[in-house]
Every structure is written in structure tokens, then in C-alpha cells.
Protein backbone atom coordinates (compact mmCIF):
# COMPACT_ATOMS: atom_id res chain seq x y z
CA MET A 1 -8.02 -0.53 1.22
CA ILE A 2 -11.27 -0.96 3.67
CA ARG A 3 -11.39 2.12 5.97
CA LEU A 4 -14.86 1.90 7.31
CA ILE A 5 -16.59 -1.75 8.11
CA PRO A 6 -18.95 -2.90 6.87
CA LEU A 7 -19.80 -0.28 4.12
CA LEU A 8 -16.38 -1.10 2.49
CA ALA A 9 -16.40 -4.46 3.05
CA LEU A 10 -16.32 -5.09 -1.17
CA ALA A 11 -12.76 -3.24 -0.94
CA ALA A 12 -9.52 -5.49 -1.00
CA CYS A 13 -7.52 -3.84 1.81
CA HIS A 14 -7.44 -1.24 4.39
CA ALA A 15 -4.50 1.74 4.54
CA GLY A 16 -5.89 2.98 8.09
CA SER A 17 -6.92 1.38 11.19
CA ASN A 18 -10.75 1.27 11.32
CA PRO A 19 -11.74 4.00 13.58
CA ASN A 20 -14.78 1.71 14.96
CA GLN A 21 -12.70 -0.81 15.99
CA GLN A 22 -12.42 -1.47 19.85
CA PRO A 23 -9.26 -0.92 21.23
CA SER A 24 -6.56 -3.98 22.31
CA LYS A 25 -6.08 -4.44 25.57
CA GLN A 26 -2.29 -4.36 25.54
CA ALA A 27 -1.04 -0.71 25.67
CA ILE A 28 2.15 -0.80 23.85
CA GLN A 29 3.65 -3.55 21.48
CA THR A 30 6.81 -3.23 19.66
CA PRO A 31 8.94 -5.53 17.10
CA THR A 32 9.64 -8.64 18.17
CA ASP A 33 13.30 -9.93 17.93
CA SER A 34 11.71 -12.82 15.93
CA THR A 35 10.63 -9.97 13.78
CA LEU A 36 13.80 -8.32 13.49
CA ALA A 37 15.51 -11.77 12.87
CA ILE A 38 13.62 -12.50 9.97
CA ALA A 39 13.78 -9.03 8.71
CA ALA A 40 17.69 -9.13 8.61
CA ARG A 41 17.65 -12.43 6.75
CA ILE A 42 15.81 -10.67 3.97
CA MET A 43 17.89 -7.77 3.73
CA ALA A 44 21.04 -9.69 3.90
CA ASN A 45 20.31 -11.47 0.53
CA LEU A 46 19.11 -7.72 -0.92
CA PRO A 47 21.11 -6.63 -3.98
CA ALA A 48 23.25 -4.28 -3.25
CA GLY A 49 23.18 -0.83 -5.39
CA ASP A 50 19.71 0.21 -7.10
CA PRO A 51 16.99 0.47 -5.34
CA ALA A 52 14.28 -0.26 -7.23
CA THR A 53 16.32 -3.64 -7.82
CA ARG A 54 16.48 -4.49 -3.55
CA LEU A 55 12.47 -3.48 -3.86
CA GLU A 56 11.68 -6.45 -6.61
CA ALA A 57 14.10 -8.50 -4.69
CA ALA A 58 12.43 -7.47 -1.20
CA SER A 59 8.64 -7.77 -2.25
CA ARG A 60 9.35 -11.12 -3.97
CA ALA A 61 10.85 -12.31 -0.75
CA LEU A 62 7.58 -11.62 1.29
CA LEU A 63 5.46 -14.22 -1.41
CA GLY A 64 3.38 -16.46 0.28
CA ARG A 65 2.76 -14.66 3.24
CA PRO A 66 -0.63 -14.72 5.07
CA TYR A 67 -3.04 -11.77 4.44
CA LEU A 68 -4.29 -10.23 7.59
CA LEU A 69 -6.67 -6.55 7.27
CA GLY A 70 -5.20 -4.19 9.62
CA THR A 71 -1.58 -5.95 10.64
CA LEU A 72 -0.14 -2.60 12.03
CA GLY A 73 -0.78 0.30 14.30
CA GLU A 74 0.75 2.93 16.51
CA GLY A 75 2.75 0.73 18.79
CA ASP A 76 1.06 2.14 21.53
CA SER A 77 -2.08 2.59 22.69
CA ALA A 78 -1.75 6.46 23.90
CA LYS A 79 -0.64 7.40 20.20
CA GLY A 80 -3.59 5.48 18.31
CA ASP A 81 -3.76 1.33 17.65
CA PRO A 82 -1.51 -0.58 19.94
CA LYS A 83 -0.80 -2.99 17.23
CA PRO A 84 2.90 -2.93 16.41
CA ARG A 85 4.67 -0.85 13.88
CA LEU A 86 6.35 -3.49 11.90
CA ARG A 87 5.60 -7.14 11.46
CA LEU A 88 6.69 -9.61 9.01
CA ASP A 89 4.06 -12.73 9.50
CA ALA A 90 1.10 -11.24 7.37
CA PHE A 91 0.04 -8.16 5.70
CA ASP A 92 -2.73 -6.00 4.02
CA CYS A 93 -2.13 -4.65 0.65
CA VAL A 94 -0.57 -1.34 2.07
CA THR A 95 1.36 -2.55 4.87
CA PHE A 96 2.58 -4.88 2.17
CA ILE A 97 4.57 -2.21 -0.18
CA GLU A 98 5.81 0.18 2.89
CA THR A 99 7.14 -2.97 4.59
CA SER A 100 8.88 -3.99 1.23
CA LEU A 101 9.78 -0.34 0.60
CA ALA A 102 10.82 0.03 4.25
CA MET A 103 13.80 -2.64 3.74
CA ALA A 104 14.92 -1.74 0.11
CA ILE A 105 15.87 1.54 1.18
CA SER A 106 16.91 0.71 4.79
CA GLU A 107 20.61 -0.45 5.13
CA ASP A 108 20.12 -2.58 8.31
CA THR A 109 17.32 -3.46 10.52
CA SER A 110 18.76 -1.09 12.82
CA SER A 111 17.27 1.89 10.54
CA LEU A 112 14.15 -0.05 9.32
CA LEU A 113 11.28 0.91 12.00
CA ALA A 114 12.26 4.48 11.46
CA ARG A 115 12.03 4.16 7.41
CA MET A 116 8.27 2.55 8.31
CA ASP A 117 7.32 5.42 10.21
CA SER A 118 8.81 7.62 7.81
CA ILE A 119 6.43 6.29 4.94
CA ARG A 120 3.59 6.02 7.12
CA TYR A 121 3.44 9.00 8.67
CA LEU A 122 3.71 12.67 8.34
CA ASP A 123 6.88 14.00 8.92
CA GLY A 124 7.63 10.23 10.61
CA THR A 125 5.85 11.51 13.39
CA VAL A 126 3.50 8.20 14.67
CA GLN A 127 0.33 9.62 15.70
CA TRP A 128 -2.74 7.94 14.51
CA ARG A 129 -3.93 11.13 13.59
CA LEU A 130 -0.88 11.83 10.95
CA ARG A 131 -1.07 8.18 9.79
CA ASN A 132 -1.22 7.91 6.01
CA HIS A 133 -4.79 6.48 5.58
CA PHE A 134 -6.05 8.05 2.24
CA PHE A 135 -3.81 6.24 -0.23
CA GLU A 136 -4.49 8.70 -2.97
CA GLY A 137 -4.93 11.98 -0.97
CA GLU A 138 -2.25 11.35 1.74
CA TRP A 139 -0.11 8.37 1.39
CA LEU A 140 1.17 9.24 -2.57
CA PRO A 141 1.76 13.23 -2.03
CA ARG A 142 3.63 12.28 1.25
CA ASN A 143 5.89 10.20 -0.22
CA ARG A 144 6.74 11.90 -3.29
CA ARG A 145 10.00 11.59 -2.65
CA TRP A 146 9.88 7.60 -3.55
CA ALA A 147 6.94 7.62 -5.74
CA LYS A 148 6.34 9.51 -9.12
CA LEU A 149 3.22 9.48 -10.75
CA VAL A 150 2.86 7.90 -14.13
CA ASP A 151 0.93 9.61 -17.08
CA PHE A 152 0.04 7.42 -20.01
CA PRO A 153 -1.82 8.27 -23.63
CA GLY A 154 -5.59 7.70 -23.09
CA ASP A 155 -5.32 8.98 -19.64
CA THR A 156 -8.72 9.93 -18.06
CA THR A 157 -8.72 12.67 -14.37
CA GLU A 158 -11.90 12.52 -12.31
CA VAL A 159 -12.45 15.05 -9.81
CA ARG A 160 -13.19 12.32 -6.85
CA SER A 161 -14.43 13.21 -3.29
CA LEU A 162 -12.49 11.89 0.07
CA ALA A 163 -14.77 11.20 3.55
CA ARG A 164 -12.15 12.36 5.50
CA LYS A 165 -14.47 14.63 8.09
CA GLY A 166 -15.87 11.31 8.82
CA PHE A 167 -13.16 8.86 8.84
CA TYR A 168 -11.13 11.27 11.27
CA ALA A 169 -14.18 12.22 13.20
CA LYS A 170 -14.78 8.52 14.66
CA ARG A 171 -11.07 9.23 16.76
CA GLY A 172 -11.88 12.63 17.62
CA ALA A 173 -9.91 14.55 15.17
CA THR A 174 -11.42 17.21 12.83
CA VAL A 175 -10.48 16.62 9.49
CA PRO A 176 -12.58 18.61 6.60
CA ASP A 177 -13.89 16.71 3.25
CA THR A 178 -11.68 17.30 0.44
CA THR A 179 -11.66 16.95 -3.28
CA ILE A 180 -8.94 15.69 -5.95
CA PRO A 181 -8.42 15.73 -9.71
CA LEU A 182 -7.27 11.47 -9.79
CA ARG A 183 -5.63 10.72 -13.13
CA MET A 184 -5.88 7.01 -14.21
CA VAL A 185 -5.59 4.49 -17.02
CA PRO A 186 -8.81 3.36 -17.35
CA SER A 187 -9.61 -0.57 -16.28
CA ALA A 188 -10.34 -1.29 -20.63
CA LYS A 189 -7.18 0.49 -21.47
CA ALA A 190 -5.25 -1.12 -18.77
CA ILE A 191 -6.19 -4.66 -20.00
CA GLU A 192 -5.63 -3.59 -23.36
CA ARG A 193 -1.90 -2.04 -21.82
CA TRP A 194 -0.70 -4.70 -19.65
CA SER A 195 -1.98 -7.65 -21.52
CA LYS A 196 0.53 -7.72 -24.00
CA ALA A 197 3.92 -8.78 -23.72
CA SER A 198 6.37 -6.32 -21.62
CA ASP A 199 9.16 -4.94 -23.75
CA THR A 200 10.86 -3.91 -20.19
CA THR A 201 11.93 -5.76 -16.92
CA ARG A 202 10.83 -3.44 -14.02
CA ILE A 203 8.43 -2.65 -10.64
CA ARG A 204 6.14 0.05 -10.41
CA GLY A 205 3.33 0.66 -7.69
CA LEU A 206 -0.28 0.91 -8.66
CA ALA A 207 -3.27 1.67 -7.29
CA LEU A 208 -6.74 0.36 -7.77
CA VAL A 209 -9.50 2.63 -8.17
CA GLY A 210 -13.30 2.01 -7.24
CA LYS A 211 -16.63 3.47 -7.60
CA VAL A 212 -17.36 4.03 -3.73
CA GLU A 213 -17.95 7.99 -3.00
CA GLY A 214 -15.69 9.04 -0.70
CA TYR A 215 -13.18 6.53 -1.11
CA PRO A 216 -11.62 6.22 -4.60
CA VAL A 217 -8.76 3.94 -3.79
CA LEU A 218 -9.52 0.52 -3.15
CA HIS A 219 -6.55 -1.68 -3.80
CA THR A 220 -2.98 -1.26 -4.45
CA GLY A 221 0.07 -3.17 -5.12
CA PHE A 222 3.09 -3.84 -7.51
CA LEU A 223 3.60 -3.85 -10.97
CA VAL A 224 6.11 -6.37 -12.10
CA GLU A 225 6.99 -6.21 -15.81
CA ARG A 226 9.15 -9.26 -17.23
CA LYS A 227 10.42 -8.46 -20.44
CA GLY A 228 8.25 -10.91 -22.96
CA GLU A 229 5.58 -11.49 -20.42
CA PRO A 230 2.64 -9.96 -20.00
CA ALA A 231 2.47 -7.60 -16.58
CA ARG A 232 1.53 -8.98 -13.10
CA ILE A 233 0.17 -7.74 -9.75
CA ARG A 234 2.35 -8.90 -6.45
CA HIS A 235 0.09 -8.17 -3.75
CA ALA A 236 -1.77 -8.94 -0.09
CA SER A 237 -4.86 -10.33 -1.74
CA GLN A 238 -7.90 -11.01 -0.21
CA ARG A 239 -7.56 -14.81 -1.56
CA GLY A 240 -5.23 -15.00 1.54
CA ALA A 241 -1.69 -14.43 0.93
CA VAL A 242 0.42 -12.17 -1.27
CA LEU A 243 0.60 -13.33 -4.31
CA GLU A 244 1.33 -12.72 -8.08
CA GLU A 245 -0.70 -12.62 -11.08
CA PRO A 246 -1.36 -11.30 -13.91
CA LEU A 247 -2.85 -7.61 -14.15
CA PHE A 248 -5.27 -8.36 -16.95
CA ARG A 249 -7.00 -11.13 -15.67
CA TYR A 250 -7.04 -9.43 -12.39
CA LEU A 251 -9.30 -6.73 -13.97
CA GLN A 252 -11.48 -8.77 -15.82
CA GLU A 253 -12.03 -10.74 -12.92
CA LYS A 254 -12.99 -7.30 -10.82
CA LYS A 255 -15.24 -5.88 -12.47
CA LYS A 256 -15.51 -2.81 -9.16
CA PHE A 257 -12.33 -1.56 -10.59
CA VAL A 258 -12.43 1.24 -12.72
CA GLY A 259 -8.89 2.85 -13.43
CA LEU A 260 -5.53 2.54 -12.42
CA VAL A 261 -2.62 5.13 -10.80
CA VAL A 262 0.83 3.94 -11.77
CA TRP A 263 4.14 5.24 -10.20
CA GLU A 264 7.67 5.15 -10.57
CA TRP A 265 9.49 4.23 -7.82
CA PHE A 266 13.02 6.45 -6.83
CA PRO A 267 12.30 8.93 -9.32
């Protein structure tokens, strides 16, 4: 989640809009009819009932869509970033999980945008200042209705800082820096655990923790397990698309990650 550029150019994607970015000349953008039509087609094919099964299907339907950093905003320059609040043609890592979740928990497209807002903003109030920019300190705590952290044997806890003061000050907001205890599965243990064949089929969420001071979580996605196979990460990747790949191989390649935060959906 690249929050400041170029400071975090090494990171995978971005929870919130870059506060240094120049506003778009277009003052207001709303979801287009084509966006809602695409959403309607995807949602019509989601299985009824179990929300976790719907979430797996919704996220799977977006495989192959292009990666694009910072795809969404508040839809109105008076509220923050004028980029639309919903789109389905491209994703970064956070908007991918948000859009998948919103489709899974919406009955139809009439409630989809409100569901997106409830996931992305404090109390669903659409303002840049109230967007869940910091994944570990805002997004997860404010989405406890949908996500419950999972503890594993051998976890470690680190006290990490969140550089909220400087981040929010770029847009004139006053928010203090904070620290949080961050419990995670160390990368070495994660590779060992998820390189083995799974004994179940399920979908969880995961956040990848790096070493950057002030910005612990650098990437997020879905932890997809299928019985008899090693777990996979399904994510909007800087490789250019939403894709799925073995999690242990991804971690072996990406040495910048020191651990994983994992959560159950729909506790």
C-alpha cells in the first residue's frame, strides 16, 4: 500500500490516495452505467447463502483485471479525491479486497455503493479524512464486523508506529502519530506453514508486514486454501493484474516482508 511517493515506492499498493497528488480537474465522478452493469453480471452469478463462498466467487471473478495504483476516491473534490467511489476495470490491492467484499455482502447493485462506503470509511461517511488509509490501524479495527484476526502458534508481536501525523497533514488534517501492537506470523513460519498441502478449503484475508518505519502493512490480499494444495495469495499485483500464486513462493521472492497478519471473514 504505497502511501507516500517516492518514500514507499518499494511497497505493493496503496490504502488511500497519495496526499501529495494533484487533484483531478474533474470535480465529481460517479459510477458509470457500465460499471454497475459489470457488477450486476458478477453478482448475478454469485452463489446464494454463505458470504464466505460469495466472497471467494466475487474475488475469483476479478482475476485478470488490470492493476492500477489508487483507483478510487471520494467521487467529489469537495470531499477529497474526485476519483469514483466504485470501478471494476482496474484495482490496487486494497480496492480489490474492498470491491470483492462489497459485492459479496450486497443483495444487488442498489446497495453496492453504500456497502463500499461502509467498508472504506469511518461510519460510512465519505470524506478523505475519514477514509481507512492505514490498514493495520484503521481498516482492520473499523471492519471488525467482517474481519476477525487469527492467532497462530509461534506468532510474534511487535510494537509498530503509524506515521499518521505527516500523512494526514499533507491535506491539512491534524491526526497524531500512534503506535499499535501488531501480532503476525513471521515470514519463515508462514512459508513453512503454507507450503504444505491444506487440510481444508476456505478463504481468509492477509496483510503483509514490511520494515518501513511508520507504515507496517505494505500489501494485502486473500489467502485462498484448497484441500490438498498449498495455500495461494489472490491479490492485485504490481506485476500488472489481479492474479493468484502460491503464497510460500511469493514470500520466498519478496524478502521485504517480515510477517503476515491473517483474519477470518464473517466471524
